[in-house]
Amino acid sequence: MPELIEHEVTGLLATPGDGDALGAALKRALTEPAATRWAVAGRARIQSMGDPKRHLDGLLTIYREAMSA
C-alpha cells in the first residue's frame, strides 16, 4: 500500500504481482535490524492518520471549502 508505506522508512514495498520481490521484502523485514525502526515509524504514521480528531478536522476543512466555493 504505497499510500501508507514509505519504503525503508515505515516498511518495505514490493512490486505488485512479483512473488520473488515480496519474498525478499518479507525476509528483510524478519531479519534486518532496521525493521524495528520501520515498525515504530509505521505505527506512528497509522496512529496519526487514524486519530479521530484529526479526521474530523480534515472533514470540516473540506466541507468549509466546498461551502465557500
N, C-alpha and C. Protein backbone atom coordinates (compact mmCIF):
# COMPACT_ATOMS: atom_id res chain seq x y z
N MET A 1 0.83 -1.17 0.00
CA MET A 1 0.00 0.00 0.00
C MET A 1 0.89 1.25 0.00
N PRO A 2 1.31 1.66 -1.16
CA PRO A 2 2.24 2.78 -1.23
C PRO A 2 1.70 4.10 -0.66
N GLU A 3 0.39 4.24 -0.54
CA GLU A 3 -0.15 5.46 0.06
C GLU A 3 0.05 5.48 1.57
N LEU A 4 0.35 4.34 2.17
CA LEU A 4 0.59 4.27 3.61
C LEU A 4 2.05 4.00 3.97
N ILE A 5 2.78 3.38 3.06
CA ILE A 5 4.13 2.93 3.37
C ILE A 5 5.15 3.71 2.57
N GLU A 6 6.14 4.24 3.26
CA GLU A 6 7.29 4.86 2.62
C GLU A 6 8.43 3.85 2.72
N HIS A 7 8.91 3.41 1.57
CA HIS A 7 9.90 2.34 1.50
C HIS A 7 11.11 2.63 2.38
N GLU A 8 11.44 1.68 3.22
CA GLU A 8 12.57 1.71 4.15
C GLU A 8 12.47 2.83 5.19
N VAL A 9 11.28 3.40 5.35
CA VAL A 9 11.03 4.38 6.41
C VAL A 9 9.94 3.84 7.32
N THR A 10 8.82 3.43 6.73
CA THR A 10 7.71 2.88 7.52
C THR A 10 7.40 1.45 7.12
N GLY A 11 8.27 0.85 6.34
CA GLY A 11 8.08 -0.54 5.91
C GLY A 11 8.79 -0.78 4.60
N LEU A 12 8.41 -1.81 3.92
CA LEU A 12 9.01 -2.16 2.63
C LEU A 12 7.91 -2.32 1.59
N LEU A 13 8.22 -1.91 0.39
CA LEU A 13 7.30 -2.08 -0.73
C LEU A 13 7.87 -3.11 -1.69
N ALA A 14 7.00 -3.86 -2.33
CA ALA A 14 7.38 -4.81 -3.36
C ALA A 14 6.47 -4.58 -4.56
N THR A 15 6.99 -4.84 -5.73
CA THR A 15 6.21 -4.68 -6.95
C THR A 15 5.01 -5.61 -6.93
N PRO A 16 3.80 -5.07 -7.16
CA PRO A 16 2.61 -5.93 -7.19
C PRO A 16 2.77 -7.07 -8.19
N GLY A 17 2.40 -8.26 -7.77
CA GLY A 17 2.46 -9.43 -8.63
C GLY A 17 3.82 -10.10 -8.70
N ASP A 18 4.82 -9.53 -8.05
CA ASP A 18 6.17 -10.09 -8.07
C ASP A 18 6.41 -10.87 -6.78
N GLY A 19 6.14 -12.17 -6.84
CA GLY A 19 6.29 -13.02 -5.66
C GLY A 19 7.71 -13.06 -5.12
N ASP A 20 8.69 -13.03 -6.01
CA ASP A 20 10.08 -13.04 -5.57
C ASP A 20 10.42 -11.77 -4.78
N ALA A 21 9.95 -10.63 -5.28
CA ALA A 21 10.19 -9.37 -4.58
C ALA A 21 9.49 -9.35 -3.22
N LEU A 22 8.29 -9.90 -3.17
CA LEU A 22 7.58 -9.98 -1.90
C LEU A 22 8.33 -10.88 -0.93
N GLY A 23 8.80 -12.01 -1.41
CA GLY A 23 9.57 -12.91 -0.56
C GLY A 23 10.83 -12.26 -0.03
N ALA A 24 11.52 -11.51 -0.88
CA ALA A 24 12.74 -10.82 -0.46
C ALA A 24 12.42 -9.75 0.58
N ALA A 25 11.32 -9.02 0.39
CA ALA A 25 10.94 -7.99 1.35
C ALA A 25 10.57 -8.61 2.69
N LEU A 26 9.84 -9.72 2.66
CA LEU A 26 9.48 -10.40 3.91
C LEU A 26 10.72 -10.90 4.64
N LYS A 27 11.66 -11.44 3.90
CA LYS A 27 12.90 -11.92 4.51
C LYS A 27 13.65 -10.75 5.17
N ARG A 28 13.71 -9.64 4.47
CA ARG A 28 14.37 -8.45 5.05
C ARG A 28 13.66 -8.00 6.32
N ALA A 29 12.33 -7.96 6.26
CA ALA A 29 11.56 -7.50 7.41
C ALA A 29 11.75 -8.39 8.63
N LEU A 30 12.03 -9.65 8.39
CA LEU A 30 12.21 -10.59 9.51
C LEU A 30 13.65 -10.66 10.00
N THR A 31 14.60 -10.19 9.21
CA THR A 31 16.00 -10.37 9.59
C THR A 31 16.78 -9.08 9.77
N GLU A 32 16.36 -8.02 9.15
CA GLU A 32 17.15 -6.79 9.19
C GLU A 32 16.86 -6.00 10.46
N PRO A 33 17.91 -5.57 11.18
CA PRO A 33 17.71 -4.81 12.42
C PRO A 33 16.90 -3.52 12.21
N ALA A 34 17.00 -2.90 11.04
CA ALA A 34 16.26 -1.66 10.78
C ALA A 34 14.75 -1.88 10.78
N ALA A 35 14.31 -3.12 10.66
CA ALA A 35 12.87 -3.40 10.61
C ALA A 35 12.15 -2.91 11.86
N THR A 36 12.82 -2.94 12.99
CA THR A 36 12.20 -2.44 14.22
C THR A 36 11.90 -0.95 14.09
N ARG A 37 12.83 -0.22 13.53
CA ARG A 37 12.65 1.22 13.31
C ARG A 37 11.51 1.47 12.32
N TRP A 38 11.44 0.65 11.26
CA TRP A 38 10.35 0.80 10.29
C TRP A 38 9.00 0.57 10.96
N ALA A 39 8.95 -0.44 11.83
CA ALA A 39 7.69 -0.77 12.51
C ALA A 39 7.23 0.37 13.40
N VAL A 40 8.15 0.96 14.14
CA VAL A 40 7.81 2.07 15.04
C VAL A 40 7.31 3.26 14.22
N ALA A 41 8.00 3.58 13.13
CA ALA A 41 7.60 4.70 12.28
C ALA A 41 6.25 4.41 11.61
N GLY A 42 6.05 3.19 11.18
CA GLY A 42 4.78 2.83 10.54
C GLY A 42 3.61 2.93 11.50
N ARG A 43 3.82 2.45 12.71
CA ARG A 43 2.76 2.55 13.72
C ARG A 43 2.42 4.01 14.01
N ALA A 44 3.43 4.85 14.14
CA ALA A 44 3.19 6.26 14.41
C ALA A 44 2.41 6.91 13.26
N ARG A 45 2.77 6.55 12.02
CA ARG A 45 2.06 7.13 10.87
C ARG A 45 0.59 6.72 10.89
N ILE A 46 0.31 5.46 11.11
CA ILE A 46 -1.08 4.97 11.12
C ILE A 46 -1.86 5.60 12.26
N GLN A 47 -1.24 5.72 13.43
CA GLN A 47 -1.93 6.33 14.56
C GLN A 47 -2.28 7.78 14.26
N SER A 48 -1.36 8.51 13.63
CA SER A 48 -1.66 9.91 13.33
C SER A 48 -2.74 10.02 12.27
N MET A 49 -2.76 9.11 11.31
CA MET A 49 -3.77 9.13 10.26
C MET A 49 -5.13 8.71 10.80
N GLY A 50 -5.14 7.86 11.80
CA GLY A 50 -6.38 7.33 12.33
C GLY A 50 -6.95 8.10 13.50
N ASP A 51 -6.28 9.20 13.88
CA ASP A 51 -6.74 9.99 15.01
C ASP A 51 -8.11 10.60 14.70
N PRO A 52 -9.12 10.29 15.48
CA PRO A 52 -10.48 10.78 15.17
C PRO A 52 -10.57 12.30 15.09
N LYS A 53 -9.88 13.01 15.97
CA LYS A 53 -9.95 14.48 15.93
C LYS A 53 -9.33 15.01 14.65
N ARG A 54 -8.22 14.44 14.26
CA ARG A 54 -7.57 14.88 13.02
C ARG A 54 -8.47 14.59 11.82
N HIS A 55 -9.11 13.44 11.83
CA HIS A 55 -10.03 13.08 10.75
C HIS A 55 -11.19 14.08 10.68
N LEU A 56 -11.79 14.38 11.82
CA LEU A 56 -12.90 15.32 11.86
C LEU A 56 -12.46 16.70 11.39
N ASP A 57 -11.30 17.16 11.84
CA ASP A 57 -10.80 18.46 11.41
C ASP A 57 -10.61 18.49 9.89
N GLY A 58 -10.11 17.42 9.32
CA GLY A 58 -9.93 17.34 7.88
C GLY A 58 -11.26 17.40 7.14
N LEU A 59 -12.24 16.66 7.63
CA LEU A 59 -13.57 16.69 7.00
C LEU A 59 -14.19 18.08 7.08
N LEU A 60 -14.08 18.72 8.24
CA LEU A 60 -14.65 20.05 8.39
C LEU A 60 -13.98 21.04 7.44
N THR A 61 -12.70 20.92 7.25
CA THR A 61 -11.98 21.78 6.30
C THR A 61 -12.52 21.58 4.89
N ILE A 62 -12.70 20.34 4.50
CA ILE A 62 -13.24 20.03 3.17
C ILE A 62 -14.64 20.63 3.02
N TYR A 63 -15.49 20.45 4.03
CA TYR A 63 -16.85 20.96 3.96
C TYR A 63 -16.85 22.50 3.86
N ARG A 64 -16.00 23.15 4.65
CA ARG A 64 -15.94 24.61 4.61
C ARG A 64 -15.52 25.10 3.23
N GLU A 65 -14.51 24.42 2.65
CA GLU A 65 -14.05 24.80 1.32
C GLU A 65 -15.16 24.59 0.28
N ALA A 66 -15.89 23.52 0.41
CA ALA A 66 -16.98 23.24 -0.54
C ALA A 66 -18.09 24.27 -0.40
N MET A 67 -18.40 24.68 0.82
CA MET A 67 -19.49 25.65 1.03
C MET A 67 -19.09 27.04 0.58
N SER A 68 -17.81 27.36 0.61
CA SER A 68 -17.39 28.71 0.22
C SER A 68 -17.17 28.81 -1.29
N ALA A 69 -17.21 27.71 -2.00
CA ALA A 69 -16.98 27.76 -3.47
C ALA A 69 -18.21 28.18 -4.22
